[in-house]
Amino acid sequence: MSIFGAVDFREHEQVVFVNEPSVGLKAIIAIHNTSRGPAFGGCRMYPYASEEDAVRDVLRLSRGMTYKAAITRLPYGGGKSVIIGDPARDKTADLLRAMGRAVATLQGRYIMADDVGTTVRDMEVVRTVTPYAAGLPDAAGEPCPATAYGVFQGILAVAAHRFGRQTGNEGPGSTGLDGNDLEGLTVAVQGLGSVGIRLCRYLHAAGARLTVADLNAARVEEAADRFGARPVPADEILFADVDVLSPNAMGAVFDDASIAGLRCRSVCGAANNQLATEAHGVALHRRGILYAPDFVVSAGGLIDIAHEGPAYDPATVLADCGRIRGITLDILQRAARDGQPTSQTALRIAEENFTVGGMRRAA
């Protein structure tokens, strides 16, 4: 397969293939852009159907991290890594340490963290062989709920812009900690992992009515019991008739076929790369569906990492994540003013904040 000619190989600086047969490690590390600082991005472990699928995923994810850091003006570039394998069956401490050694060879150009298929506890294992692994667990061994809280802030921005809800101070400097009234707003949450279930908690507390789906029946039952959520089959959640659709599972959920069947009024979720291609952001716009760009509203995890250090305080992290509401609202307002898709407006704003090959991107 061609890497340089791949559709998703867009000005990437470096792609590293890692092979350690003794522990079953096959991995790819992609560094997209380091003009703002070292490339940061999670390590995803997933049983990809093919190596081509793994390459495509890591390239798209790493590019998204560049934009995520740039839109929030954090001192990081974009990177990502993927391990080809089933985390339930193939993940071992030896494999994680081997991955850590591969990261160490990059000498700080790439900093890894947890992602789908890996955990903050896994990062503790990786840190035994390299300092270039981030992510702190709370007392229960879970990561800070920053990503979920950031998506909640994005939904508050959507609620204010599209539905005229009063959700407190909504300027770019908003902390997002007041006026979170979503009474009666209908939200469909796809995916009830760590992010999705925590998002449900925030939404429920703010008065939203929830529809949920996940392949794990126990998680669906938990959401129904704790938040009064209405369960629907996993293959129906995208087409729920709701105010907000929140994808929080895997990416590329919006393509020609799915967009044609959507009945939601807006989209705001944590899943990376929700658009199958950039053209699908235009397609959502043409259908009148307000899209809160995923790389913006899912930036809470990156904000969390930026706070790591001796003075780390989860409450301070969440307060900082509150600015995601102001950033999102600014994008929605600019796009409306210019008559442009929100996806294109967000990309343009982010590109003002990073460079490629020493040259600043054109706005």
Protein backbone atom coordinates (compact mmCIF):
# COMPACT_ATOMS: atom_id res chain seq x y z
CA MET A 1 0.00 0.00 0.00
CA SER A 2 1.12 3.59 -0.62
CA ILE A 3 1.55 5.86 2.41
CA PHE A 4 2.66 9.06 0.71
CA GLY A 5 -0.17 8.70 -1.78
CA ALA A 6 -2.84 7.86 0.79
CA VAL A 7 -5.81 10.22 0.86
CA ASP A 8 -5.38 10.79 4.60
CA PHE A 9 -1.61 11.39 4.42
CA ARG A 10 -1.94 15.18 4.57
CA GLU A 11 1.39 16.80 5.35
CA HIS A 12 2.22 14.28 8.07
CA GLU A 13 5.73 14.71 9.39
CA GLN A 14 6.41 11.11 10.36
CA VAL A 15 4.81 7.67 10.40
CA VAL A 16 6.47 4.87 12.36
CA PHE A 17 5.62 1.18 12.06
CA VAL A 18 6.36 -0.87 15.18
CA ASN A 19 6.81 -4.64 15.14
CA GLU A 20 7.72 -6.74 18.19
CA PRO A 21 6.70 -10.36 17.44
CA SER A 22 7.83 -11.68 20.84
CA VAL A 23 4.93 -9.86 22.54
CA GLY A 24 2.53 -9.72 19.59
CA LEU A 25 2.92 -6.00 19.05
CA LYS A 26 1.99 -4.50 15.69
CA ALA A 27 1.51 -0.76 15.96
CA ILE A 28 1.64 2.48 14.02
CA ILE A 29 2.58 5.92 15.36
CA ALA A 30 1.62 8.95 13.26
CA ILE A 31 2.94 12.46 13.87
CA HIS A 32 1.00 15.01 11.86
CA ASN A 33 2.33 18.40 12.93
CA THR A 34 4.63 19.68 15.67
CA SER A 35 4.67 23.41 14.93
CA ARG A 36 2.88 24.18 18.24
CA GLY A 37 4.78 21.65 20.33
CA PRO A 38 5.29 17.89 20.76
CA ALA A 39 2.68 15.72 19.08
CA PHE A 40 0.11 14.49 21.56
CA GLY A 41 -2.55 11.84 21.08
CA GLY A 42 -3.97 8.68 22.57
CA CYS A 43 -3.01 5.09 21.84
CA ARG A 44 -5.95 3.14 20.41
CA MET A 45 -5.99 -0.67 20.53
CA TYR A 46 -8.48 -2.20 18.14
CA PRO A 47 -8.85 -5.40 16.08
CA TYR A 48 -8.70 -3.68 12.70
CA ALA A 49 -9.94 -5.73 9.76
CA SER A 50 -6.82 -4.84 7.78
CA GLU A 51 -3.54 -2.95 8.06
CA GLU A 52 -4.95 -0.43 5.59
CA ASP A 53 -7.80 0.31 8.01
CA ALA A 54 -5.31 0.83 10.83
CA VAL A 55 -3.21 3.21 8.75
CA ARG A 56 -6.26 5.17 7.67
CA ASP A 57 -7.45 5.49 11.26
CA VAL A 58 -4.13 6.63 12.72
CA LEU A 59 -3.61 9.20 9.97
CA ARG A 60 -7.06 10.71 10.40
CA LEU A 61 -6.83 10.69 14.19
CA SER A 62 -3.40 12.31 14.31
CA ARG A 63 -4.48 15.10 11.97
CA GLY A 64 -7.53 15.69 14.14
CA MET A 65 -5.30 16.13 17.18
CA THR A 66 -3.38 18.93 15.43
CA TYR A 67 -6.65 20.80 14.94
CA LYS A 68 -7.83 20.03 18.47
CA ALA A 69 -4.69 21.54 20.01
CA ALA A 70 -4.77 24.52 17.67
CA ILE A 71 -8.43 25.43 18.24
CA THR A 72 -7.85 25.44 22.02
CA ARG A 73 -4.45 27.17 21.68
CA LEU A 74 -2.64 24.47 23.67
CA PRO A 75 1.13 23.94 23.24
CA TYR A 76 0.87 20.60 21.44
CA GLY A 77 0.96 19.22 17.95
CA GLY A 78 -1.05 16.34 16.61
CA GLY A 79 -0.15 12.67 16.88
CA LYS A 80 -1.80 9.34 17.48
CA SER A 81 -0.90 5.67 17.76
CA VAL A 82 -2.81 2.47 17.13
CA ILE A 83 -2.10 -1.09 18.19
CA ILE A 84 -3.61 -3.78 16.00
CA GLY A 85 -5.23 -6.32 18.30
CA ASP A 86 -8.13 -7.16 20.58
CA PRO A 87 -7.55 -5.43 23.94
CA ALA A 88 -9.65 -8.02 25.76
CA ARG A 89 -7.50 -10.86 24.46
CA ASP A 90 -4.14 -9.51 23.32
CA LYS A 91 -3.22 -6.70 25.71
CA THR A 92 -0.49 -7.60 28.19
CA ALA A 93 1.97 -5.68 30.35
CA ASP A 94 4.80 -6.88 28.09
CA LEU A 95 3.01 -5.54 25.01
CA LEU A 96 2.41 -2.18 26.71
CA ARG A 97 6.04 -1.90 27.76
CA ALA A 98 7.17 -2.71 24.22
CA MET A 99 4.88 0.06 22.96
CA GLY A 100 6.39 2.39 25.51
CA ARG A 101 9.89 1.59 24.32
CA ALA A 102 8.85 2.41 20.76
CA VAL A 103 7.48 5.76 21.92
CA ALA A 104 10.72 6.42 23.81
CA THR A 105 12.74 6.15 20.59
CA LEU A 106 10.96 9.30 19.35
CA GLN A 107 12.59 11.22 22.22
CA GLY A 108 9.58 13.32 23.12
CA ARG A 109 8.30 14.16 19.64
CA TYR A 110 5.19 12.12 20.51
CA ILE A 111 3.41 11.86 23.88
CA MET A 112 0.84 9.09 24.20
CA ALA A 113 -2.22 8.70 26.42
CA ASP A 114 -5.18 6.36 26.76
CA ASP A 115 -7.83 5.95 24.08
CA VAL A 116 -10.29 3.31 22.88
CA GLY A 117 -8.95 -0.06 24.06
CA THR A 118 -6.40 1.39 26.50
CA THR A 119 -6.77 2.94 29.97
CA VAL A 120 -5.05 5.35 32.32
CA ARG A 121 -3.88 2.28 34.24
CA ASP A 122 -2.20 1.05 31.05
CA MET A 123 -0.37 4.37 30.84
CA GLU A 124 1.05 3.70 34.31
CA VAL A 125 2.63 0.54 32.87
CA VAL A 126 3.97 2.45 29.86
CA ARG A 127 5.54 5.05 32.14
CA THR A 128 7.77 2.38 33.64
CA VAL A 129 9.79 2.49 30.39
CA THR A 130 9.24 6.04 29.09
CA PRO A 131 8.23 9.40 30.54
CA TYR A 132 6.31 10.19 27.34
CA ALA A 133 2.96 8.78 28.46
CA ALA A 134 0.24 10.93 30.05
CA GLY A 135 -3.04 10.36 31.83
CA LEU A 136 -3.77 10.34 35.56
CA PRO A 137 -6.40 8.09 37.19
CA ASP A 138 -8.71 9.30 39.94
CA ALA A 139 -9.21 7.41 43.19
CA ALA A 140 -11.40 4.87 41.38
CA GLY A 141 -8.84 4.36 38.62
CA GLU A 142 -10.87 6.36 36.09
CA PRO A 143 -9.69 9.33 34.02
CA CYS A 144 -10.90 12.84 34.78
CA PRO A 145 -14.35 13.40 33.19
CA ALA A 146 -12.93 16.28 31.15
CA THR A 147 -13.89 14.91 27.73
CA ALA A 148 -17.51 14.33 28.73
CA TYR A 149 -17.71 17.72 30.40
CA GLY A 150 -16.29 19.39 27.29
CA VAL A 151 -18.96 17.74 25.11
CA PHE A 152 -21.58 18.91 27.60
CA GLN A 153 -20.26 22.44 27.14
CA GLY A 154 -20.54 21.99 23.38
CA ILE A 155 -24.17 20.92 23.77
CA LEU A 156 -24.84 24.02 25.88
CA ALA A 157 -23.47 26.13 23.01
CA VAL A 158 -25.70 24.28 20.52
CA ALA A 159 -28.69 24.72 22.84
CA ALA A 160 -28.08 28.47 23.03
CA HIS A 161 -27.45 28.95 19.31
CA ARG A 162 -30.02 26.63 17.76
CA PHE A 163 -32.73 26.45 20.42
CA GLY A 164 -32.40 29.82 22.17
CA ARG A 165 -31.72 28.30 25.58
CA GLN A 166 -30.34 30.50 28.33
CA THR A 167 -27.20 28.64 29.40
CA GLY A 168 -25.30 31.32 31.28
CA ASN A 169 -22.30 33.36 30.18
CA GLU A 170 -21.58 32.21 26.64
CA GLY A 171 -18.67 34.42 25.56
CA PRO A 172 -15.24 33.03 24.63
CA GLY A 173 -14.13 33.39 28.27
CA SER A 174 -17.08 31.48 29.71
CA THR A 175 -16.32 28.96 32.44
CA GLY A 176 -19.52 27.11 31.61
CA LEU A 177 -20.35 26.46 35.25
CA ASP A 178 -23.69 28.28 35.49
CA GLY A 179 -27.09 28.44 33.83
CA ASN A 180 -27.06 24.88 32.47
CA ASP A 181 -30.82 24.64 31.85
CA LEU A 182 -31.64 22.02 29.21
CA GLU A 183 -35.08 21.16 30.57
CA GLY A 184 -36.95 19.04 28.02
CA LEU A 185 -34.21 19.12 25.37
CA THR A 186 -34.04 15.69 23.70
CA VAL A 187 -30.58 14.16 23.26
CA ALA A 188 -29.65 10.80 21.72
CA VAL A 189 -26.36 9.46 23.08
CA GLN A 190 -24.64 6.85 20.92
CA GLY A 191 -22.04 4.94 22.95
CA LEU A 192 -22.04 4.58 26.74
CA GLY A 193 -18.38 4.10 27.52
CA SER A 194 -16.54 6.29 30.01
CA VAL A 195 -17.39 9.46 28.06
CA GLY A 196 -20.96 8.61 27.09
CA ILE A 197 -22.17 7.56 30.54
CA ARG A 198 -20.65 10.63 32.17
CA LEU A 199 -22.18 12.85 29.51
CA CYS A 200 -25.56 11.32 30.34
CA ARG A 201 -25.05 12.31 33.97
CA TYR A 202 -24.40 15.96 33.06
CA LEU A 203 -27.30 16.08 30.62
CA HIS A 204 -29.72 14.45 33.04
CA ALA A 205 -28.77 16.88 35.81
CA ALA A 206 -29.46 19.78 33.41
CA GLY A 207 -32.94 18.45 32.61
CA ALA A 208 -32.42 16.86 29.19
CA ARG A 209 -34.47 13.82 28.10
CA LEU A 210 -32.20 11.02 26.93
CA THR A 211 -32.33 8.28 24.32
CA VAL A 212 -29.37 5.88 24.45
CA ALA A 213 -27.77 2.94 22.68
CA ASP A 214 -24.70 0.78 23.19
CA LEU A 215 -23.66 -2.74 22.21
CA ASN A 216 -23.17 -3.44 25.93
CA ALA A 217 -26.63 -4.17 27.35
CA ALA A 218 -25.50 -3.59 30.93
CA ARG A 219 -24.48 -0.01 30.13
CA VAL A 220 -27.84 0.65 28.48
CA GLU A 221 -29.63 -0.71 31.54
CA GLU A 222 -27.48 1.50 33.79
CA ALA A 223 -28.39 4.62 31.79
CA ALA A 224 -32.08 3.70 31.91
CA ASP A 225 -32.00 3.14 35.67
CA ARG A 226 -29.87 6.16 36.63
CA PHE A 227 -31.07 8.75 34.15
CA GLY A 228 -34.48 7.57 32.95
CA ALA A 229 -33.02 7.14 29.46
CA ARG A 230 -35.04 5.50 26.69
CA PRO A 231 -33.10 2.58 25.17
CA VAL A 232 -33.14 1.96 21.41
CA PRO A 233 -31.29 -0.61 19.29
CA ALA A 234 -27.74 0.36 18.35
CA ASP A 235 -28.58 0.44 14.65
CA GLU A 236 -31.42 2.94 15.22
CA ILE A 237 -29.79 5.57 17.45
CA LEU A 238 -28.40 7.67 14.58
CA PHE A 239 -31.90 8.14 13.21
CA ALA A 240 -33.64 9.15 16.43
CA ASP A 241 -35.98 12.14 16.19
CA VAL A 242 -34.22 14.38 18.72
CA ASP A 243 -32.90 17.90 19.19
CA VAL A 244 -29.29 16.76 19.58
CA LEU A 245 -27.56 13.60 18.35
CA SER A 246 -24.38 12.88 20.31
CA PRO A 247 -22.04 10.26 18.75
CA ASN A 248 -19.60 8.98 21.37
CA ALA A 249 -18.38 5.71 19.86
CA MET A 250 -16.28 5.15 16.73
CA GLY A 251 -15.87 7.62 13.86
CA ALA A 252 -17.05 8.00 10.26
CA VAL A 253 -20.71 7.71 11.26
CA PHE A 254 -21.85 10.41 8.85
CA ASP A 255 -21.75 9.42 5.19
CA ASP A 256 -24.14 9.77 2.27
CA ALA A 257 -26.43 7.01 3.49
CA SER A 258 -26.65 7.98 7.17
CA ILE A 259 -27.04 11.72 6.54
CA ALA A 260 -30.01 11.05 4.27
CA GLY A 261 -31.81 9.31 7.14
CA LEU A 262 -31.03 11.72 9.98
CA ARG A 263 -33.96 13.22 11.90
CA CYS A 264 -31.98 15.21 14.47
CA ARG A 265 -31.71 19.00 14.49
CA SER A 266 -28.08 19.14 15.57
CA VAL A 267 -25.00 16.99 16.21
CA CYS A 268 -22.54 17.29 19.11
CA GLY A 269 -20.46 14.36 20.36
CA ALA A 270 -17.01 13.16 21.37
CA ALA A 271 -16.38 10.54 18.68
CA ASN A 272 -13.33 11.47 16.61
CA ASN A 273 -13.67 11.98 12.85
CA GLN A 274 -17.45 11.70 12.73
CA LEU A 275 -17.51 12.87 9.12
CA ALA A 276 -16.56 10.14 6.65
CA THR A 277 -15.08 12.92 4.48
CA GLU A 278 -14.97 16.70 4.75
CA ALA A 279 -17.71 16.83 2.12
CA HIS A 280 -20.11 15.36 4.66
CA GLY A 281 -19.82 18.48 6.80
CA VAL A 282 -21.20 20.36 3.80
CA ALA A 283 -23.94 17.73 3.45
CA LEU A 284 -25.05 18.24 7.06
CA HIS A 285 -25.11 22.00 6.48
CA ARG A 286 -27.27 21.61 3.37
CA ARG A 287 -29.71 19.48 5.32
CA GLY A 288 -29.99 22.22 7.95
CA ILE A 289 -28.44 20.07 10.68
CA LEU A 290 -26.19 22.11 12.98
CA TYR A 291 -22.86 20.33 13.46
CA ALA A 292 -20.59 21.12 16.42
CA PRO A 293 -17.19 19.98 15.08
CA ASP A 294 -15.96 16.94 16.99
CA PHE A 295 -12.35 18.09 17.30
CA VAL A 296 -13.60 21.16 19.15
CA VAL A 297 -16.08 19.68 21.61
CA SER A 298 -13.91 16.63 22.42
CA ALA A 299 -10.89 18.74 23.45
CA GLY A 300 -11.48 18.25 27.18
CA GLY A 301 -9.09 15.31 27.36
CA LEU A 302 -6.30 17.40 25.87
CA ILE A 303 -7.06 20.26 28.27
CA ASP A 304 -6.82 17.74 31.11
CA ILE A 305 -3.37 16.60 29.99
CA ALA A 306 -2.19 20.22 29.77
CA HIS A 307 -2.89 20.56 33.50
CA GLU A 308 -0.87 17.52 34.59
CA GLY A 309 1.85 18.23 37.11
CA PRO A 310 2.38 18.66 40.87
CA ALA A 311 -0.47 21.21 41.17
CA TYR A 312 -3.00 19.09 39.23
CA ASP A 313 -6.57 19.74 40.37
CA PRO A 314 -9.59 18.09 38.66
CA ALA A 315 -11.89 20.99 39.55
CA THR A 316 -9.53 23.44 37.85
CA VAL A 317 -9.46 21.17 34.78
CA LEU A 318 -13.25 21.17 34.48
CA ALA A 319 -13.39 24.93 34.90
CA ASP A 320 -10.89 25.27 32.03
CA CYS A 321 -12.98 22.88 29.91
CA GLY A 322 -15.81 25.38 30.30
CA ARG A 323 -14.18 27.53 27.61
CA ILE A 324 -15.14 24.87 25.05
CA ARG A 325 -18.64 26.36 25.19
CA GLY A 326 -17.37 29.80 24.17
CA ILE A 327 -15.14 28.40 21.41
CA THR A 328 -17.99 26.31 20.03
CA LEU A 329 -20.48 29.16 20.14
CA ASP A 330 -18.02 31.45 18.35
CA ILE A 331 -17.68 28.88 15.53
CA LEU A 332 -21.45 28.45 15.24
CA GLN A 333 -22.01 32.19 15.13
CA ARG A 334 -19.25 32.85 12.60
CA ALA A 335 -20.50 30.07 10.35
CA ALA A 336 -24.06 31.43 10.50
CA ARG A 337 -22.88 34.95 9.76
CA ASP A 338 -20.84 33.79 6.76
CA GLY A 339 -23.38 31.24 5.53
CA GLN A 340 -20.72 28.52 5.71
CA PRO A 341 -20.72 24.96 7.08
CA THR A 342 -19.53 24.89 10.68
CA SER A 343 -17.00 22.18 9.78
CA GLN A 344 -15.23 24.50 7.35
CA THR A 345 -15.34 27.47 9.70
CA ALA A 346 -13.76 25.45 12.52
CA LEU A 347 -10.98 24.16 10.26
CA ARG A 348 -10.21 27.68 9.08
CA ILE A 349 -9.99 29.06 12.63
CA ALA A 350 -7.74 26.20 13.77
CA GLU A 351 -5.45 26.58 10.77
CA GLU A 352 -4.76 30.16 11.78
CA ASN A 353 -3.05 28.75 14.87
CA PHE A 354 -0.59 26.26 13.43
CA THR A 355 1.99 26.05 10.67
CA VAL A 356 3.02 23.47 8.10
CA GLY A 357 6.63 23.15 6.97
CA GLY A 358 7.52 26.46 8.61
CA MET A 359 4.78 28.31 6.69
CA ARG A 360 1.57 29.50 8.35
CA ARG A 361 -1.56 27.94 6.92
CA ALA A 362 -3.75 30.26 4.91
CA ALA A 363 -6.97 31.10 6.74
